[in-house]
Amino acid sequence: MVEARWNGALIARSDDTGVVEGNHYFPAEAVDAALLRPSDTTSICPWKGVAHYHSLSVDGADNIDAAWYYPDPKPEAAAIRDRIAFWKGVTVG
């Protein structure tokens, strides 16, 4: 079972993560959506497509753009559609 934690909170937990470039991508349903906040941030990966971001909000603390996902990945990255990955101090393991 893989977990993602930040600021003392369990953000995500699943035994069905996909690992791409060293990052665990959790199924969206395995992520606590109550801790996610929308973000307008996007970035482009040449082979995965356009990434969109969420910020985390836990006990009054915010971690801006700490989660990302690909709503419409390129065909080579189709396996990460509807999955969310984390960084910026989020512990995954």
PDB file of N, CA and C in Angstrom:
ATOM      1  N   MET A   1       0.849  -1.182   0.000  1.00  0.00           N
ATOM      2  CA  MET A   1       0.000   0.000   0.000  1.00  0.00           C
ATOM      3  C   MET A   1       0.894   1.244   0.000  1.00  0.00           C
ATOM      4  N   VAL A   2       0.627   2.164  -0.892  1.00  0.00           N
ATOM      5  CA  VAL A   2       1.394   3.397  -0.986  1.00  0.00           C
ATOM      6  C   VAL A   2       0.544   4.533  -0.426  1.00  0.00           C
ATOM      7  N   GLU A   3       1.175   5.389   0.373  1.00  0.00           N
ATOM      8  CA  GLU A   3       0.487   6.531   0.967  1.00  0.00           C
ATOM      9  C   GLU A   3       1.197   7.829   0.611  1.00  0.00           C
ATOM     10  N   ALA A   4       0.412   8.900   0.533  1.00  0.00           N
ATOM     11  CA  ALA A   4       0.943  10.255   0.380  1.00  0.00           C
ATOM     12  C   ALA A   4       0.503  11.042   1.606  1.00  0.00           C
ATOM     13  N   ARG A   5       1.470  11.692   2.292  1.00  0.00           N
ATOM     14  CA  ARG A   5       1.175  12.446   3.508  1.00  0.00           C
ATOM     15  C   ARG A   5       1.830  13.811   3.453  1.00  0.00           C
ATOM     16  N   TRP A   6       1.121  14.779   4.024  1.00  0.00           N
ATOM     17  CA  TRP A   6       1.683  16.117   4.158  1.00  0.00           C
ATOM     18  C   TRP A   6       1.066  16.794   5.367  1.00  0.00           C
ATOM     19  N   ASN A   7       1.893  17.496   6.133  1.00  0.00           N
ATOM     20  CA  ASN A   7       1.449  18.269   7.291  1.00  0.00           C
ATOM     21  C   ASN A   7       0.626  17.407   8.254  1.00  0.00           C
ATOM     22  N   GLY A   8       1.024  16.149   8.393  1.00  0.00           N
ATOM     23  CA  GLY A   8       0.366  15.252   9.330  1.00  0.00           C
ATOM     24  C   GLY A   8      -0.897  14.589   8.815  1.00  0.00           C
ATOM     25  N   ALA A   9      -1.285  14.877   7.589  1.00  0.00           N
ATOM     26  CA  ALA A   9      -2.532  14.321   7.057  1.00  0.00           C
ATOM     27  C   ALA A   9      -2.253  13.275   5.981  1.00  0.00           C
ATOM     28  N   LEU A  10      -3.115  12.272   5.944  1.00  0.00           N
ATOM     29  CA  LEU A  10      -3.086  11.286   4.876  1.00  0.00           C
ATOM     30  C   LEU A  10      -3.813  11.898   3.679  1.00  0.00           C
ATOM     31  N   ILE A  11      -3.091  12.118   2.600  1.00  0.00           N
ATOM     32  CA  ILE A  11      -3.651  12.739   1.405  1.00  0.00           C
ATOM     33  C   ILE A  11      -4.214  11.685   0.456  1.00  0.00           C
ATOM     34  N   ALA A  12      -3.491  10.572   0.310  1.00  0.00           N
ATOM     35  CA  ALA A  12      -3.905   9.515  -0.616  1.00  0.00           C
ATOM     36  C   ALA A  12      -3.364   8.181  -0.124  1.00  0.00           C
ATOM     37  N   ARG A  13      -4.081   7.111  -0.494  1.00  0.00           N
ATOM     38  CA  ARG A  13      -3.654   5.759  -0.117  1.00  0.00           C
ATOM     39  C   ARG A  13      -4.198   4.789  -1.156  1.00  0.00           C
ATOM     40  N   SER A  14      -3.306   3.950  -1.706  1.00  0.00           N
ATOM     41  CA  SER A  14      -3.747   2.989  -2.712  1.00  0.00           C
ATOM     42  C   SER A  14      -2.698   1.905  -2.917  1.00  0.00           C
ATOM     43  N   ASP A  15      -3.169   0.735  -3.326  1.00  0.00           N
ATOM     44  CA  ASP A  15      -2.252  -0.324  -3.744  1.00  0.00           C
ATOM     45  C   ASP A  15      -2.235  -0.416  -5.273  1.00  0.00           C
ATOM     46  N   ASP A  16      -2.781   0.629  -5.920  1.00  0.00           N
ATOM     47  CA  ASP A  16      -2.860   0.671  -7.376  1.00  0.00           C
ATOM     48  C   ASP A  16      -2.296   1.996  -7.899  1.00  0.00           C
ATOM     49  N   THR A  17      -1.028   2.261  -7.588  1.00  0.00           N
ATOM     50  CA  THR A  17      -0.393   3.459  -8.140  1.00  0.00           C
ATOM     51  C   THR A  17       0.397   3.064  -9.384  1.00  0.00           C
ATOM     52  N   GLY A  18       0.492   4.005 -10.300  1.00  0.00           N
ATOM     53  CA  GLY A  18       1.356   3.824 -11.456  1.00  0.00           C
ATOM     54  C   GLY A  18       2.582   4.682 -11.253  1.00  0.00           C
ATOM     55  N   VAL A  19       3.754   4.159 -11.532  1.00  0.00           N
ATOM     56  CA  VAL A  19       4.981   4.928 -11.336  1.00  0.00           C
ATOM     57  C   VAL A  19       5.517   5.357 -12.701  1.00  0.00           C
ATOM     58  N   VAL A  20       5.655   6.668 -12.870  1.00  0.00           N
ATOM     59  CA  VAL A  20       6.193   7.250 -14.095  1.00  0.00           C
ATOM     60  C   VAL A  20       7.251   8.262 -13.687  1.00  0.00           C
ATOM     61  N   GLU A  21       8.441   8.086 -14.214  1.00  0.00           N
ATOM     62  CA  GLU A  21       9.568   8.965 -13.911  1.00  0.00           C
ATOM     63  C   GLU A  21       9.774   9.127 -12.400  1.00  0.00           C
ATOM     64  N   GLY A  22       9.591   8.033 -11.663  1.00  0.00           N
ATOM     65  CA  GLY A  22       9.822   8.021 -10.227  1.00  0.00           C
ATOM     66  C   GLY A  22       8.692   8.573  -9.385  1.00  0.00           C
ATOM     67  N   ASN A  23       7.595   8.992 -10.002  1.00  0.00           N
ATOM     68  CA  ASN A  23       6.455   9.541  -9.265  1.00  0.00           C
ATOM     69  C   ASN A  23       5.306   8.550  -9.242  1.00  0.00           C
ATOM     70  N   HIS A  24       4.718   8.374  -8.057  1.00  0.00           N
ATOM     71  CA  HIS A  24       3.533   7.530  -7.922  1.00  0.00           C
ATOM     72  C   HIS A  24       2.310   8.339  -8.325  1.00  0.00           C
ATOM     73  N   TYR A  25       1.542   7.819  -9.252  1.00  0.00           N
ATOM     74  CA  TYR A  25       0.282   8.428  -9.665  1.00  0.00           C
ATOM     75  C   TYR A  25      -0.850   7.621  -9.032  1.00  0.00           C
ATOM     76  N   PHE A  26      -1.595   8.281  -8.149  1.00  0.00           N
ATOM     77  CA  PHE A  26      -2.685   7.649  -7.428  1.00  0.00           C
ATOM     78  C   PHE A  26      -3.989   7.770  -8.211  1.00  0.00           C
ATOM     79  N   PRO A  27      -4.841   6.737  -8.162  1.00  0.00           N
ATOM     80  CA  PRO A  27      -6.174   6.900  -8.750  1.00  0.00           C
ATOM     81  C   PRO A  27      -6.881   8.065  -8.057  1.00  0.00           C
ATOM     82  N   ALA A  28      -7.625   8.851  -8.808  1.00  0.00           N
ATOM     83  CA  ALA A  28      -8.294  10.025  -8.237  1.00  0.00           C
ATOM     84  C   ALA A  28      -9.170   9.653  -7.054  1.00  0.00           C
ATOM     85  N   GLU A  29      -9.814   8.510  -7.112  1.00  0.00           N
ATOM     86  CA  GLU A  29     -10.709   8.104  -6.018  1.00  0.00           C
ATOM     87  C   GLU A  29      -9.951   7.730  -4.743  1.00  0.00           C
ATOM     88  N   ALA A  30      -8.636   7.553  -4.823  1.00  0.00           N
ATOM     89  CA  ALA A  30      -7.827   7.230  -3.645  1.00  0.00           C
ATOM     90  C   ALA A  30      -7.311   8.481  -2.939  1.00  0.00           C
ATOM     91  N   VAL A  31      -7.597   9.661  -3.496  1.00  0.00           N
ATOM     92  CA  VAL A  31      -7.121  10.932  -2.955  1.00  0.00           C
ATOM     93  C   VAL A  31      -8.244  11.605  -2.182  1.00  0.00           C
ATOM     94  N   ASP A  32      -7.923  12.165  -1.011  1.00  0.00           N
ATOM     95  CA  ASP A  32      -8.914  12.882  -0.209  1.00  0.00           C
ATOM     96  C   ASP A  32      -9.202  14.231  -0.874  1.00  0.00           C
ATOM     97  N   ALA A  33     -10.270  14.284  -1.647  1.00  0.00           N
ATOM     98  CA  ALA A  33     -10.608  15.482  -2.427  1.00  0.00           C
ATOM     99  C   ALA A  33     -10.882  16.694  -1.535  1.00  0.00           C
ATOM    100  N   ALA A  34     -11.243  16.476  -0.277  1.00  0.00           N
ATOM    101  CA  ALA A  34     -11.511  17.590   0.640  1.00  0.00           C
ATOM    102  C   ALA A  34     -10.244  18.398   0.933  1.00  0.00           C
ATOM    103  N   LEU A  35      -9.070  17.817   0.678  1.00  0.00           N
ATOM    104  CA  LEU A  35      -7.805  18.502   0.946  1.00  0.00           C
ATOM    105  C   LEU A  35      -7.241  19.212  -0.289  1.00  0.00           C
ATOM    106  N   LEU A  36      -7.886  19.029  -1.440  1.00  0.00           N
ATOM    107  CA  LEU A  36      -7.425  19.632  -2.688  1.00  0.00           C
ATOM    108  C   LEU A  36      -8.109  20.969  -2.930  1.00  0.00           C
ATOM    109  N   ARG A  37      -7.364  21.916  -3.444  1.00  0.00           N
ATOM    110  CA  ARG A  37      -7.894  23.221  -3.836  1.00  0.00           C
ATOM    111  C   ARG A  37      -7.549  23.447  -5.305  1.00  0.00           C
ATOM    112  N   PRO A  38      -8.465  24.031  -6.070  1.00  0.00           N
ATOM    113  CA  PRO A  38      -8.170  24.259  -7.487  1.00  0.00           C
ATOM    114  C   PRO A  38      -7.022  25.226  -7.695  1.00  0.00           C
ATOM    115  N   SER A  39      -6.340  25.067  -8.808  1.00  0.00           N
ATOM    116  CA  SER A  39      -5.245  25.948  -9.191  1.00  0.00           C
ATOM    117  C   SER A  39      -5.360  26.217 -10.689  1.00  0.00           C
ATOM    118  N   ASP A  40      -4.944  27.397 -11.102  1.00  0.00           N
ATOM    119  CA  ASP A  40      -4.930  27.727 -12.526  1.00  0.00           C
ATOM    120  C   ASP A  40      -3.604  27.355 -13.188  1.00  0.00           C
ATOM    121  N   THR A  41      -2.672  26.808 -12.419  1.00  0.00           N
ATOM    122  CA  THR A  41      -1.344  26.492 -12.931  1.00  0.00           C
ATOM    123  C   THR A  41      -1.391  25.311 -13.902  1.00  0.00           C
ATOM    124  N   THR A  42      -0.643  25.430 -14.982  1.00  0.00           N
ATOM    125  CA  THR A  42      -0.432  24.318 -15.912  1.00  0.00           C
ATOM    126  C   THR A  42       1.039  24.283 -16.294  1.00  0.00           C
ATOM    127  N   SER A  43       1.486  23.145 -16.779  1.00  0.00           N
ATOM    128  CA  SER A  43       2.827  23.008 -17.333  1.00  0.00           C
ATOM    129  C   SER A  43       2.751  21.991 -18.466  1.00  0.00           C
ATOM    130  N   ILE A  44       3.775  21.964 -19.285  1.00  0.00           N
ATOM    131  CA  ILE A  44       3.758  21.072 -20.443  1.00  0.00           C
ATOM    132  C   ILE A  44       4.918  20.086 -20.358  1.00  0.00           C
ATOM    133  N   CYS A  45       4.584  18.822 -20.528  1.00  0.00           N
ATOM    134  CA  CYS A  45       5.585  17.761 -20.652  1.00  0.00           C
ATOM    135  C   CYS A  45       5.553  17.327 -22.113  1.00  0.00           C
ATOM    136  N   PRO A  46       6.722  17.251 -22.761  1.00  0.00           N
ATOM    137  CA  PRO A  46       6.732  16.902 -24.189  1.00  0.00           C
ATOM    138  C   PRO A  46       6.072  15.565 -24.520  1.00  0.00           C
ATOM    139  N   TRP A  47       6.139  14.590 -23.616  1.00  0.00           N
ATOM    140  CA  TRP A  47       5.573  13.294 -23.965  1.00  0.00           C
ATOM    141  C   TRP A  47       4.290  12.945 -23.221  1.00  0.00           C
ATOM    142  N   LYS A  48       4.003  13.658 -22.105  1.00  0.00           N
ATOM    143  CA  LYS A  48       2.767  13.371 -21.369  1.00  0.00           C
ATOM    144  C   LYS A  48       1.638  14.335 -21.708  1.00  0.00           C
ATOM    145  N   GLY A  49       1.976  15.577 -22.046  1.00  0.00           N
ATOM    146  CA  GLY A  49       0.941  16.547 -22.376  1.00  0.00           C
ATOM    147  C   GLY A  49       0.907  17.693 -21.373  1.00  0.00           C
ATOM    148  N   VAL A  50      -0.278  18.269 -21.202  1.00  0.00           N
ATOM    149  CA  VAL A  50      -0.453  19.421 -20.316  1.00  0.00           C
ATOM    150  C   VAL A  50      -0.862  18.947 -18.924  1.00  0.00           C
ATOM    151  N   ALA A  51      -0.045  19.304 -17.931  1.00  0.00           N
ATOM    152  CA  ALA A  51      -0.350  18.979 -16.535  1.00  0.00           C
ATOM    153  C   ALA A  51      -1.144  20.121 -15.924  1.00  0.00           C
ATOM    154  N   HIS A  52      -2.105  19.772 -15.099  1.00  0.00           N
ATOM    155  CA  HIS A  52      -2.877  20.727 -14.311  1.00  0.00           C
ATOM    156  C   HIS A  52      -2.576  20.452 -12.846  1.00  0.00           C
ATOM    157  N   TYR A  53      -2.795  21.443 -11.995  1.00  0.00           N
ATOM    158  CA  TYR A  53      -2.378  21.337 -10.597  1.00  0.00           C
ATOM    159  C   TYR A  53      -3.511  21.568  -9.613  1.00  0.00           C
ATOM    160  N   HIS A  54      -3.310  21.033  -8.417  1.00  0.00           N
ATOM    161  CA  HIS A  54      -4.125  21.318  -7.244  1.00  0.00           C
ATOM    162  C   HIS A  54      -3.168  21.783  -6.156  1.00  0.00           C
ATOM    163  N   SER A  55      -3.642  22.633  -5.279  1.00  0.00           N
ATOM    164  CA  SER A  55      -2.913  22.948  -4.053  1.00  0.00           C
ATOM    165  C   SER A  55      -3.514  22.105  -2.939  1.00  0.00           C
ATOM    166  N   LEU A  56      -2.751  21.878  -1.885  1.00  0.00           N
ATOM    167  CA  LEU A  56      -3.238  21.152  -0.724  1.00  0.00           C
ATOM    168  C   LEU A  56      -3.535  22.137   0.392  1.00  0.00           C
ATOM    169  N   SER A  57      -4.565  21.858   1.157  1.00  0.00           N
ATOM    170  CA  SER A  57      -4.896  22.670   2.320  1.00  0.00           C
ATOM    171  C   SER A  57      -5.169  21.733   3.488  1.00  0.00           C
ATOM    172  N   VAL A  58      -4.284  21.793   4.496  1.00  0.00           N
ATOM    173  CA  VAL A  58      -4.374  20.897   5.645  1.00  0.00           C
ATOM    174  C   VAL A  58      -4.201  21.717   6.920  1.00  0.00           C
ATOM    175  N   ASP A  59      -5.199  21.697   7.772  1.00  0.00           N
ATOM    176  CA  ASP A  59      -5.127  22.379   9.073  1.00  0.00           C
ATOM    177  C   ASP A  59      -4.657  23.828   8.957  1.00  0.00           C
ATOM    178  N   GLY A  60      -5.194  24.539   7.986  1.00  0.00           N
ATOM    179  CA  GLY A  60      -4.872  25.946   7.820  1.00  0.00           C
ATOM    180  C   GLY A  60      -3.579  26.232   7.072  1.00  0.00           C
ATOM    181  N   ALA A  61      -2.840  25.206   6.696  1.00  0.00           N
ATOM    182  CA  ALA A  61      -1.599  25.388   5.935  1.00  0.00           C
ATOM    183  C   ALA A  61      -1.848  25.009   4.476  1.00  0.00           C
ATOM    184  N   ASP A  62      -1.272  25.788   3.572  1.00  0.00           N
ATOM    185  CA  ASP A  62      -1.432  25.529   2.148  1.00  0.00           C
ATOM    186  C   ASP A  62      -0.096  25.141   1.518  1.00  0.00           C
ATOM    187  N   ASN A  63      -0.158  24.191   0.612  1.00  0.00           N
ATOM    188  CA  ASN A  63       0.992  23.763  -0.174  1.00  0.00           C
ATOM    189  C   ASN A  63       0.595  23.980  -1.636  1.00  0.00           C
ATOM    190  N   ILE A  64       1.027  25.110  -2.173  1.00  0.00           N
ATOM    191  CA  ILE A  64       0.591  25.554  -3.493  1.00  0.00           C
ATOM    192  C   ILE A  64       1.109  24.627  -4.594  1.00  0.00           C
ATOM    193  N   ASP A  65       0.193  24.193  -5.440  1.00  0.00           N
ATOM    194  CA  ASP A  65       0.510  23.362  -6.618  1.00  0.00           C
ATOM    195  C   ASP A  65       1.294  22.097  -6.266  1.00  0.00           C
ATOM    196  N   ALA A  66       0.949  21.478  -5.160  1.00  0.00           N
ATOM    197  CA  ALA A  66       1.664  20.289  -4.688  1.00  0.00           C
ATOM    198  C   ALA A  66       1.177  18.990  -5.322  1.00  0.00           C
ATOM    199  N   ALA A  67       0.083  19.061  -6.067  1.00  0.00           N
ATOM    200  CA  ALA A  67      -0.449  17.867  -6.730  1.00  0.00           C
ATOM    201  C   ALA A  67      -0.661  18.192  -8.204  1.00  0.00           C
ATOM    202  N   TRP A  68      -0.398  17.217  -9.061  1.00  0.00           N
ATOM    203  CA  TRP A  68      -0.639  17.445 -10.482  1.00  0.00           C
ATOM    204  C   TRP A  68      -1.271  16.228 -11.123  1.00  0.00           C
ATOM    205  N   TYR A  69      -1.901  16.493 -12.259  1.00  0.00           N
ATOM    206  CA  TYR A  69      -2.591  15.433 -12.989  1.00  0.00           C
ATOM    207  C   TYR A  69      -2.668  15.826 -14.463  1.00  0.00           C
ATOM    208  N   TYR A  70      -2.922  14.837 -15.292  1.00  0.00           N
ATOM    209  CA  TYR A  70      -3.058  15.038 -16.730  1.00  0.00           C
ATOM    210  C   TYR A  70      -4.478  14.637 -17.135  1.00  0.00           C
ATOM    211  N   PRO A  71      -5.387  15.606 -17.311  1.00  0.00           N
ATOM    212  CA  PRO A  71      -6.761  15.253 -17.666  1.00  0.00           C
ATOM    213  C   PRO A  71      -6.885  14.677 -19.075  1.00  0.00           C
ATOM    214  N   ASP A  72      -5.965  15.025 -19.945  1.00  0.00           N
ATOM    215  CA  ASP A  72      -6.011  14.544 -21.324  1.00  0.00           C
ATOM    216  C   ASP A  72      -4.584  14.238 -21.796  1.00  0.00           C
ATOM    217  N   PRO A  73      -3.977  13.182 -21.227  1.00  0.00           N
ATOM    218  CA  PRO A  73      -2.580  12.894 -21.575  1.00  0.00           C
ATOM    219  C   PRO A  73      -2.438  12.442 -23.025  1.00  0.00           C
ATOM    220  N   LYS A  74      -1.230  12.584 -23.528  1.00  0.00           N
ATOM    221  CA  LYS A  74      -0.920  12.065 -24.857  1.00  0.00           C
ATOM    222  C   LYS A  74      -1.035  10.540 -24.825  1.00  0.00           C
ATOM    223  N   PRO A  75      -1.213   9.901 -25.970  1.00  0.00           N
ATOM    224  CA  PRO A  75      -1.398   8.448 -26.001  1.00  0.00           C
ATOM    225  C   PRO A  75      -0.310   7.666 -25.267  1.00  0.00           C
ATOM    226  N   GLU A  76       0.936   8.132 -25.338  1.00  0.00           N
ATOM    227  CA  GLU A  76       2.039   7.430 -24.674  1.00  0.00           C
ATOM    228  C   GLU A  76       1.890   7.417 -23.158  1.00  0.00           C
ATOM    229  N   ALA A  77       1.094   8.332 -22.628  1.00  0.00           N
ATOM    230  CA  ALA A  77       0.931   8.450 -21.174  1.00  0.00           C
ATOM    231  C   ALA A  77      -0.500   8.150 -20.733  1.00  0.00           C
ATOM    232  N   ALA A  78      -1.243   7.447 -21.550  1.00  0.00           N
ATOM    233  CA  ALA A  78      -2.651   7.173 -21.250  1.00  0.00           C
ATOM    234  C   ALA A  78      -2.853   6.496 -19.894  1.00  0.00           C
ATOM    235  N   ALA A  79      -1.871   5.769 -19.414  1.00  0.00           N
ATOM    236  CA  ALA A  79      -1.997   5.043 -18.139  1.00  0.00           C
ATOM    237  C   ALA A  79      -2.142   5.976 -16.936  1.00  0.00           C
ATOM    238  N   ILE A  80      -1.783   7.256 -17.076  1.00  0.00           N
ATOM    239  CA  ILE A  80      -1.893   8.164 -15.926  1.00  0.00           C
ATOM    240  C   ILE A  80      -3.135   9.054 -15.993  1.00  0.00           C
ATOM    241  N   ARG A  81      -3.995   8.830 -16.949  1.00  0.00           N
ATOM    242  CA  ARG A  81      -5.265   9.565 -17.005  1.00  0.00           C
ATOM    243  C   ARG A  81      -6.054   9.306 -15.713  1.00  0.00           C
ATOM    244  N   ASP A  82      -6.657  10.345 -15.162  1.00  0.00           N
ATOM    245  CA  ASP A  82      -7.453  10.250 -13.929  1.00  0.00           C
ATOM    246  C   ASP A  82      -6.622   9.834 -12.715  1.00  0.00           C
ATOM    247  N   ARG A  83      -5.328  10.155 -12.725  1.00  0.00           N
ATOM    248  CA  ARG A  83      -4.443   9.855 -11.606  1.00  0.00           C
ATOM    249  C   ARG A  83      -3.740  11.128 -11.158  1.00  0.00           C
ATOM    250  N   ILE A  84      -3.373  11.175  -9.884  1.00  0.00           N
ATOM    251  CA  ILE A  84      -2.791  12.374  -9.282  1.00  0.00           C
ATOM    252  C   ILE A  84      -1.467  12.022  -8.630  1.00  0.00           C
ATOM    253  N   ALA A  85      -0.451  12.869  -8.858  1.00  0.00           N
ATOM    254  CA  ALA A  85       0.875  12.697  -8.259  1.00  0.00           C
ATOM    255  C   ALA A  85       1.176  13.908  -7.373  1.00  0.00           C
ATOM    256  N   PHE A  86       2.200  13.776  -6.521  1.00  0.00           N
ATOM    257  CA  PHE A  86       2.496  14.798  -5.527  1.00  0.00           C
ATOM    258  C   PHE A  86       3.991  15.126  -5.493  1.00  0.00           C
ATOM    259  N   TRP A  87       4.294  16.325  -4.997  1.00  0.00           N
ATOM    260  CA  TRP A  87       5.664  16.772  -4.770  1.00  0.00           C
ATOM    261  C   TRP A  87       5.613  17.877  -3.745  1.00  0.00           C
ATOM    262  N   LYS A  88       6.643  18.721  -3.669  1.00  0.00           N
ATOM    263  CA  LYS A  88       6.709  19.872  -2.767  1.00  0.00           C
ATOM    264  C   LYS A  88       6.524  19.477  -1.296  1.00  0.00           C
ATOM    265  N   GLY A  89       7.283  18.483  -0.870  1.00  0.00           N
ATOM    266  CA  GLY A  89       7.266  18.100   0.537  1.00  0.00           C
ATOM    267  C   GLY A  89       6.259  17.040   0.908  1.00  0.00           C
ATOM    268  N   VAL A  90       5.449  16.602  -0.041  1.00  0.00           N
ATOM    269  CA  VAL A  90       4.515  15.504   0.227  1.00  0.00           C
ATOM    270  C   VAL A  90       5.336  14.214   0.267  1.00  0.00           C
ATOM    271  N   THR A  91       5.220  13.478   1.349  1.00  0.00           N
ATOM    272  CA  THR A  91       5.933  12.214   1.501  1.00  0.00           C
ATOM    273  C   THR A  91       5.125  11.094   0.879  1.00  0.00           C
ATOM    274  N   VAL A  92       5.738  10.375  -0.041  1.00  0.00           N
ATOM    275  CA  VAL A  92       5.056   9.267  -0.723  1.00  0.00           C
ATOM    276  C   VAL A  92       5.863   7.991  -0.473  1.00  0.00           C
ATOM    277  N   GLY A  93       5.178   6.992  -0.008  1.00  0.00           N
ATOM    278  CA  GLY A  93       5.861   5.726   0.220  1.00  0.00           C
ATOM    279  C   GLY A  93       4.996   4.701   0.893  1.00  0.00           C
TER     280      GLY A  93
END
